[in-house]
Amino acid sequence: MFRRTFWFTAGAAAGVWATTKVNRKLKQLTPESLAAQAANKALETGHRLKDFALDVRAGMVQREAELEEALGLDAPVEPVPAQTRELPEPRRRGALGPSSHQTTHAIPTITYNRNEDH
């Protein structure tokens, strides 16, 4: 008699446990629950990316400071005294004003294609 009662109770408990597990899993698979889980994962991923970007930025600043120290670029700049020099006097033109054969000098432009270095 005790045997039957034990196995009946064990079976009922296993049934309740299995039913509870299945119901929890079904609730996790509803569209609302899946959307909430996706939103939470997206927020978590965003926070991780932000932390990664902050770590990269901190590493860049640290490395830049190391390079400046190694190259001596972080030394204080001493002010250079201003040197005065005399400018040449402008050339005098004829009495009629500037010549009609006057040419204009253009500043040459240098194009730089950053893909040429590769």
N, C-alpha and C. Protein backbone atom coordinates (compact mmCIF):
# COMPACT_ATOMS: atom_id res chain seq x y z
N MET A 1 0.81 -1.18 0.00
CA MET A 1 0.00 0.00 0.00
C MET A 1 0.87 1.27 0.00
N PHE A 2 1.90 1.25 0.83
CA PHE A 2 2.78 2.42 0.87
C PHE A 2 3.52 2.60 -0.45
N ARG A 3 3.82 1.46 -1.07
CA ARG A 3 4.50 1.55 -2.35
C ARG A 3 3.66 2.29 -3.37
N ARG A 4 2.42 1.92 -3.48
CA ARG A 4 1.53 2.54 -4.45
C ARG A 4 1.36 4.02 -4.15
N THR A 5 1.24 4.37 -2.90
CA THR A 5 1.08 5.77 -2.52
C THR A 5 2.34 6.56 -2.85
N PHE A 6 3.49 5.95 -2.59
CA PHE A 6 4.76 6.62 -2.91
C PHE A 6 4.86 6.90 -4.41
N TRP A 7 4.62 5.88 -5.24
CA TRP A 7 4.75 6.05 -6.68
C TRP A 7 3.69 6.98 -7.24
N PHE A 8 2.49 6.94 -6.66
CA PHE A 8 1.45 7.89 -7.10
C PHE A 8 1.88 9.32 -6.80
N THR A 9 2.42 9.56 -5.60
CA THR A 9 2.87 10.90 -5.21
C THR A 9 4.06 11.33 -6.06
N ALA A 10 4.99 10.42 -6.30
CA ALA A 10 6.16 10.75 -7.12
C ALA A 10 5.72 11.09 -8.54
N GLY A 11 4.79 10.36 -9.11
CA GLY A 11 4.29 10.64 -10.46
C GLY A 11 3.56 11.97 -10.53
N ALA A 12 2.75 12.27 -9.51
CA ALA A 12 2.02 13.55 -9.48
C ALA A 12 3.01 14.71 -9.38
N ALA A 13 4.03 14.57 -8.55
CA ALA A 13 5.02 15.63 -8.39
C ALA A 13 5.79 15.83 -9.69
N ALA A 14 6.16 14.74 -10.37
CA ALA A 14 6.86 14.85 -11.64
C ALA A 14 5.98 15.52 -12.69
N GLY A 15 4.69 15.21 -12.68
CA GLY A 15 3.75 15.82 -13.62
C GLY A 15 3.61 17.31 -13.38
N VAL A 16 3.50 17.71 -12.13
CA VAL A 16 3.39 19.13 -11.79
C VAL A 16 4.68 19.85 -12.19
N TRP A 17 5.81 19.25 -11.89
CA TRP A 17 7.11 19.85 -12.24
C TRP A 17 7.23 20.01 -13.75
N ALA A 18 6.89 18.98 -14.52
CA ALA A 18 7.01 19.03 -15.97
C ALA A 18 6.04 20.07 -16.55
N THR A 19 4.82 20.10 -16.02
CA THR A 19 3.84 21.07 -16.52
C THR A 19 4.31 22.50 -16.25
N THR A 20 4.86 22.74 -15.10
CA THR A 20 5.36 24.08 -14.75
C THR A 20 6.50 24.46 -15.69
N LYS A 21 7.42 23.52 -15.93
CA LYS A 21 8.54 23.79 -16.83
C LYS A 21 8.04 24.12 -18.24
N VAL A 22 7.12 23.36 -18.75
CA VAL A 22 6.60 23.57 -20.10
C VAL A 22 5.89 24.91 -20.19
N ASN A 23 5.09 25.25 -19.20
CA ASN A 23 4.37 26.54 -19.21
C ASN A 23 5.34 27.72 -19.18
N ARG A 24 6.40 27.61 -18.39
CA ARG A 24 7.42 28.68 -18.36
C ARG A 24 8.07 28.85 -19.73
N LYS A 25 8.40 27.71 -20.36
CA LYS A 25 9.05 27.77 -21.67
C LYS A 25 8.10 28.36 -22.70
N LEU A 26 6.83 28.01 -22.65
CA LEU A 26 5.86 28.57 -23.59
C LEU A 26 5.70 30.07 -23.41
N LYS A 27 5.72 30.53 -22.16
CA LYS A 27 5.62 31.97 -21.92
C LYS A 27 6.85 32.71 -22.45
N GLN A 28 8.01 32.05 -22.40
CA GLN A 28 9.23 32.67 -22.93
C GLN A 28 9.21 32.76 -24.45
N LEU A 29 8.41 31.95 -25.09
CA LEU A 29 8.37 31.92 -26.55
C LEU A 29 7.22 32.72 -27.14
N THR A 30 6.50 33.47 -26.34
CA THR A 30 5.44 34.32 -26.90
C THR A 30 6.09 35.49 -27.62
N PRO A 31 5.42 36.08 -28.62
CA PRO A 31 6.00 37.20 -29.37
C PRO A 31 6.38 38.38 -28.48
N GLU A 32 5.56 38.70 -27.48
CA GLU A 32 5.88 39.82 -26.60
C GLU A 32 7.15 39.54 -25.81
N SER A 33 7.28 38.31 -25.32
CA SER A 33 8.45 37.95 -24.54
C SER A 33 9.71 37.94 -25.42
N LEU A 34 9.58 37.42 -26.64
CA LEU A 34 10.72 37.41 -27.55
C LEU A 34 11.15 38.83 -27.90
N ALA A 35 10.17 39.73 -28.11
CA ALA A 35 10.51 41.13 -28.41
C ALA A 35 11.21 41.79 -27.23
N ALA A 36 10.73 41.51 -26.02
CA ALA A 36 11.37 42.08 -24.84
C ALA A 36 12.79 41.55 -24.67
N GLN A 37 12.98 40.26 -24.93
CA GLN A 37 14.33 39.68 -24.82
C GLN A 37 15.26 40.29 -25.87
N ALA A 38 14.75 40.48 -27.08
CA ALA A 38 15.57 41.08 -28.13
C ALA A 38 15.95 42.51 -27.78
N ALA A 39 14.99 43.26 -27.22
CA ALA A 39 15.27 44.64 -26.83
C ALA A 39 16.32 44.68 -25.72
N ASN A 40 16.21 43.78 -24.77
CA ASN A 40 17.19 43.73 -23.69
C ASN A 40 18.58 43.37 -24.21
N LYS A 41 18.64 42.43 -25.14
CA LYS A 41 19.94 42.06 -25.72
C LYS A 41 20.52 43.22 -26.52
N ALA A 42 19.66 43.96 -27.23
CA ALA A 42 20.15 45.10 -28.00
C ALA A 42 20.70 46.18 -27.07
N LEU A 43 20.01 46.45 -25.97
CA LEU A 43 20.51 47.44 -25.01
C LEU A 43 21.83 46.98 -24.40
N GLU A 44 21.91 45.71 -24.06
CA GLU A 44 23.14 45.18 -23.48
C GLU A 44 24.29 45.30 -24.47
N THR A 45 24.02 44.99 -25.72
CA THR A 45 25.05 45.10 -26.76
C THR A 45 25.48 46.54 -26.95
N GLY A 46 24.50 47.47 -26.92
CA GLY A 46 24.82 48.89 -27.03
C GLY A 46 25.72 49.36 -25.89
N HIS A 47 25.43 48.91 -24.69
CA HIS A 47 26.26 49.29 -23.54
C HIS A 47 27.67 48.71 -23.67
N ARG A 48 27.76 47.49 -24.16
CA ARG A 48 29.09 46.88 -24.34
C ARG A 48 29.88 47.61 -25.41
N LEU A 49 29.21 48.01 -26.51
CA LEU A 49 29.90 48.77 -27.55
C LEU A 49 30.37 50.13 -27.04
N LYS A 50 29.53 50.76 -26.24
CA LYS A 50 29.91 52.07 -25.67
C LYS A 50 31.12 51.91 -24.75
N ASP A 51 31.10 50.88 -23.91
CA ASP A 51 32.24 50.63 -23.03
C ASP A 51 33.50 50.34 -23.83
N PHE A 52 33.35 49.57 -24.91
CA PHE A 52 34.49 49.26 -25.77
C PHE A 52 35.05 50.53 -26.40
N ALA A 53 34.16 51.39 -26.90
CA ALA A 53 34.62 52.64 -27.52
C ALA A 53 35.33 53.52 -26.50
N LEU A 54 34.83 53.58 -25.28
CA LEU A 54 35.49 54.37 -24.23
C LEU A 54 36.86 53.79 -23.90
N ASP A 55 36.96 52.46 -23.85
CA ASP A 55 38.25 51.82 -23.59
C ASP A 55 39.24 52.11 -24.72
N VAL A 56 38.76 52.06 -25.96
CA VAL A 56 39.63 52.35 -27.10
C VAL A 56 40.11 53.79 -27.05
N ARG A 57 39.20 54.72 -26.75
CA ARG A 57 39.56 56.13 -26.66
C ARG A 57 40.58 56.37 -25.56
N ALA A 58 40.39 55.73 -24.41
CA ALA A 58 41.35 55.88 -23.31
C ALA A 58 42.71 55.31 -23.71
N GLY A 59 42.70 54.18 -24.40
CA GLY A 59 43.96 53.60 -24.87
C GLY A 59 44.66 54.49 -25.87
N MET A 60 43.87 55.13 -26.75
CA MET A 60 44.46 56.04 -27.73
C MET A 60 45.11 57.23 -27.04
N VAL A 61 44.43 57.79 -26.05
CA VAL A 61 44.99 58.94 -25.34
C VAL A 61 46.27 58.54 -24.62
N GLN A 62 46.25 57.36 -24.00
CA GLN A 62 47.44 56.89 -23.29
C GLN A 62 48.59 56.67 -24.26
N ARG A 63 48.31 56.03 -25.39
CA ARG A 63 49.37 55.76 -26.36
C ARG A 63 49.90 57.05 -26.97
N GLU A 64 49.00 58.00 -27.22
CA GLU A 64 49.44 59.29 -27.75
C GLU A 64 50.37 59.99 -26.77
N ALA A 65 50.04 59.92 -25.48
CA ALA A 65 50.91 60.53 -24.47
C ALA A 65 52.27 59.83 -24.44
N GLU A 66 52.26 58.49 -24.57
CA GLU A 66 53.53 57.76 -24.59
C GLU A 66 54.38 58.17 -25.79
N LEU A 67 53.74 58.28 -26.94
CA LEU A 67 54.48 58.68 -28.14
C LEU A 67 55.00 60.10 -28.04
N GLU A 68 54.20 61.01 -27.51
CA GLU A 68 54.66 62.39 -27.34
C GLU A 68 55.85 62.45 -26.40
N GLU A 69 55.79 61.65 -25.34
CA GLU A 69 56.91 61.63 -24.40
C GLU A 69 58.15 61.04 -25.07
N ALA A 70 57.98 59.97 -25.83
CA ALA A 70 59.11 59.33 -26.47
C ALA A 70 59.74 60.23 -27.54
N LEU A 71 58.93 60.99 -28.23
CA LEU A 71 59.43 61.87 -29.28
C LEU A 71 59.81 63.26 -28.77
N GLY A 72 59.53 63.52 -27.52
CA GLY A 72 59.86 64.82 -26.95
C GLY A 72 58.92 65.92 -27.39
N LEU A 73 57.73 65.55 -27.79
CA LEU A 73 56.77 66.56 -28.25
C LEU A 73 56.00 67.20 -27.10
N ASP A 74 56.11 66.63 -25.91
CA ASP A 74 55.36 67.18 -24.80
C ASP A 74 56.16 68.23 -24.03
N ALA A 75 57.37 68.54 -24.48
CA ALA A 75 58.19 69.56 -23.82
C ALA A 75 57.54 70.92 -24.03
N PRO A 76 57.64 71.79 -23.03
CA PRO A 76 57.04 73.12 -23.19
C PRO A 76 57.75 73.90 -24.30
N VAL A 77 56.97 74.62 -25.03
CA VAL A 77 57.51 75.39 -26.15
C VAL A 77 57.95 76.75 -25.63
N GLU A 78 59.21 77.07 -25.91
CA GLU A 78 59.72 78.38 -25.49
C GLU A 78 59.34 79.41 -26.55
N PRO A 79 58.87 80.55 -26.12
CA PRO A 79 58.50 81.55 -27.11
C PRO A 79 59.73 82.08 -27.84
N VAL A 80 59.62 82.18 -29.14
CA VAL A 80 60.71 82.69 -29.96
C VAL A 80 60.56 84.20 -30.04
N PRO A 81 61.64 84.94 -29.77
CA PRO A 81 61.51 86.39 -29.85
C PRO A 81 61.20 86.81 -31.28
N ALA A 82 60.36 87.79 -31.38
CA ALA A 82 59.96 88.28 -32.70
C ALA A 82 61.14 88.97 -33.37
N GLN A 83 61.41 88.60 -34.59
CA GLN A 83 62.49 89.22 -35.33
C GLN A 83 61.88 90.24 -36.28
N THR A 84 62.47 91.38 -36.30
CA THR A 84 61.97 92.39 -37.21
C THR A 84 62.89 92.44 -38.41
N ARG A 85 62.30 92.53 -39.54
CA ARG A 85 63.09 92.67 -40.76
C ARG A 85 62.43 93.73 -41.61
N GLU A 86 63.25 94.36 -42.37
CA GLU A 86 62.72 95.43 -43.21
C GLU A 86 62.21 94.84 -44.51
N LEU A 87 61.05 95.29 -44.89
CA LEU A 87 60.47 94.85 -46.14
C LEU A 87 61.04 95.68 -47.27
N PRO A 88 61.27 95.08 -48.43
CA PRO A 88 61.80 95.85 -49.54
C PRO A 88 60.75 96.86 -50.02
N GLU A 89 61.25 97.96 -50.52
CA GLU A 89 60.34 98.98 -51.02
C GLU A 89 59.66 98.47 -52.29
N PRO A 90 58.43 98.86 -52.49
CA PRO A 90 57.75 98.40 -53.70
C PRO A 90 58.40 99.02 -54.93
N ARG A 91 58.38 98.28 -56.01
CA ARG A 91 58.96 98.79 -57.25
C ARG A 91 58.09 99.90 -57.80
N ARG A 92 58.76 100.86 -58.33
CA ARG A 92 58.01 101.98 -58.90
C ARG A 92 57.69 101.68 -60.36
N ARG A 93 56.49 102.01 -60.69
CA ARG A 93 56.05 101.80 -62.06
C ARG A 93 56.18 103.11 -62.82
N GLY A 94 55.99 103.01 -64.07
CA GLY A 94 56.09 104.20 -64.91
C GLY A 94 54.99 105.20 -64.57
N ALA A 95 55.03 106.32 -65.18
CA ALA A 95 54.09 107.38 -64.90
C ALA A 95 52.68 107.01 -65.34
N LEU A 96 52.55 106.09 -66.27
CA LEU A 96 51.24 105.72 -66.78
C LEU A 96 50.56 104.65 -65.93
N GLY A 97 51.17 104.18 -64.92
CA GLY A 97 50.55 103.16 -64.07
C GLY A 97 51.07 101.78 -64.42
N PRO A 98 50.38 100.80 -63.97
CA PRO A 98 50.85 99.42 -64.20
C PRO A 98 50.83 99.08 -65.68
N SER A 99 51.75 98.28 -66.06
CA SER A 99 51.90 97.88 -67.45
C SER A 99 50.74 96.98 -67.87
N SER A 100 50.38 97.05 -69.12
CA SER A 100 49.29 96.21 -69.61
C SER A 100 49.78 94.78 -69.81
N HIS A 101 51.09 94.56 -69.75
CA HIS A 101 51.65 93.23 -69.93
C HIS A 101 51.87 92.52 -68.59
N GLN A 102 51.22 93.00 -67.57
CA GLN A 102 51.42 92.45 -66.23
C GLN A 102 50.85 91.03 -66.17
N THR A 103 51.58 90.12 -65.56
CA THR A 103 51.11 88.74 -65.44
C THR A 103 50.76 88.46 -63.99
N THR A 104 49.84 87.60 -63.81
CA THR A 104 49.49 87.20 -62.45
C THR A 104 50.12 85.85 -62.18
N HIS A 105 50.61 85.69 -61.00
CA HIS A 105 51.25 84.44 -60.62
C HIS A 105 50.28 83.64 -59.77
N ALA A 106 49.98 82.45 -60.20
CA ALA A 106 49.07 81.58 -59.46
C ALA A 106 49.89 80.69 -58.54
N ILE A 107 49.35 80.40 -57.42
CA ILE A 107 50.01 79.50 -56.48
C ILE A 107 49.73 78.08 -56.96
N PRO A 108 50.77 77.30 -57.18
CA PRO A 108 50.52 75.93 -57.67
C PRO A 108 49.82 75.11 -56.59
N THR A 109 48.87 74.33 -57.02
CA THR A 109 48.18 73.46 -56.08
C THR A 109 48.69 72.05 -56.26
N ILE A 110 48.86 71.38 -55.16
CA ILE A 110 49.34 70.01 -55.18
C ILE A 110 48.18 69.14 -54.75
N THR A 111 47.78 68.26 -55.63
CA THR A 111 46.69 67.36 -55.27
C THR A 111 47.28 66.17 -54.54
N TYR A 112 46.59 65.72 -53.57
CA TYR A 112 47.04 64.61 -52.76
C TYR A 112 45.97 63.55 -52.76
N ASN A 113 46.32 62.40 -53.22
CA ASN A 113 45.42 61.27 -53.20
C ASN A 113 45.92 60.31 -52.14
N ARG A 114 45.14 60.15 -51.09
CA ARG A 114 45.62 59.34 -49.99
C ARG A 114 45.71 57.86 -50.35
N ASN A 115 45.13 57.48 -51.46
CA ASN A 115 45.22 56.07 -51.88
C ASN A 115 46.54 55.77 -52.57
N GLU A 116 47.31 56.79 -52.92
CA GLU A 116 48.59 56.55 -53.58
C GLU A 116 49.63 55.97 -52.63
N ASP A 117 49.45 56.17 -51.34
CA ASP A 117 50.43 55.69 -50.38
C ASP A 117 50.35 54.18 -50.18
N HIS A 118 49.31 53.58 -50.65
CA HIS A 118 49.11 52.14 -50.35
C HIS A 118 49.66 51.28 -51.42
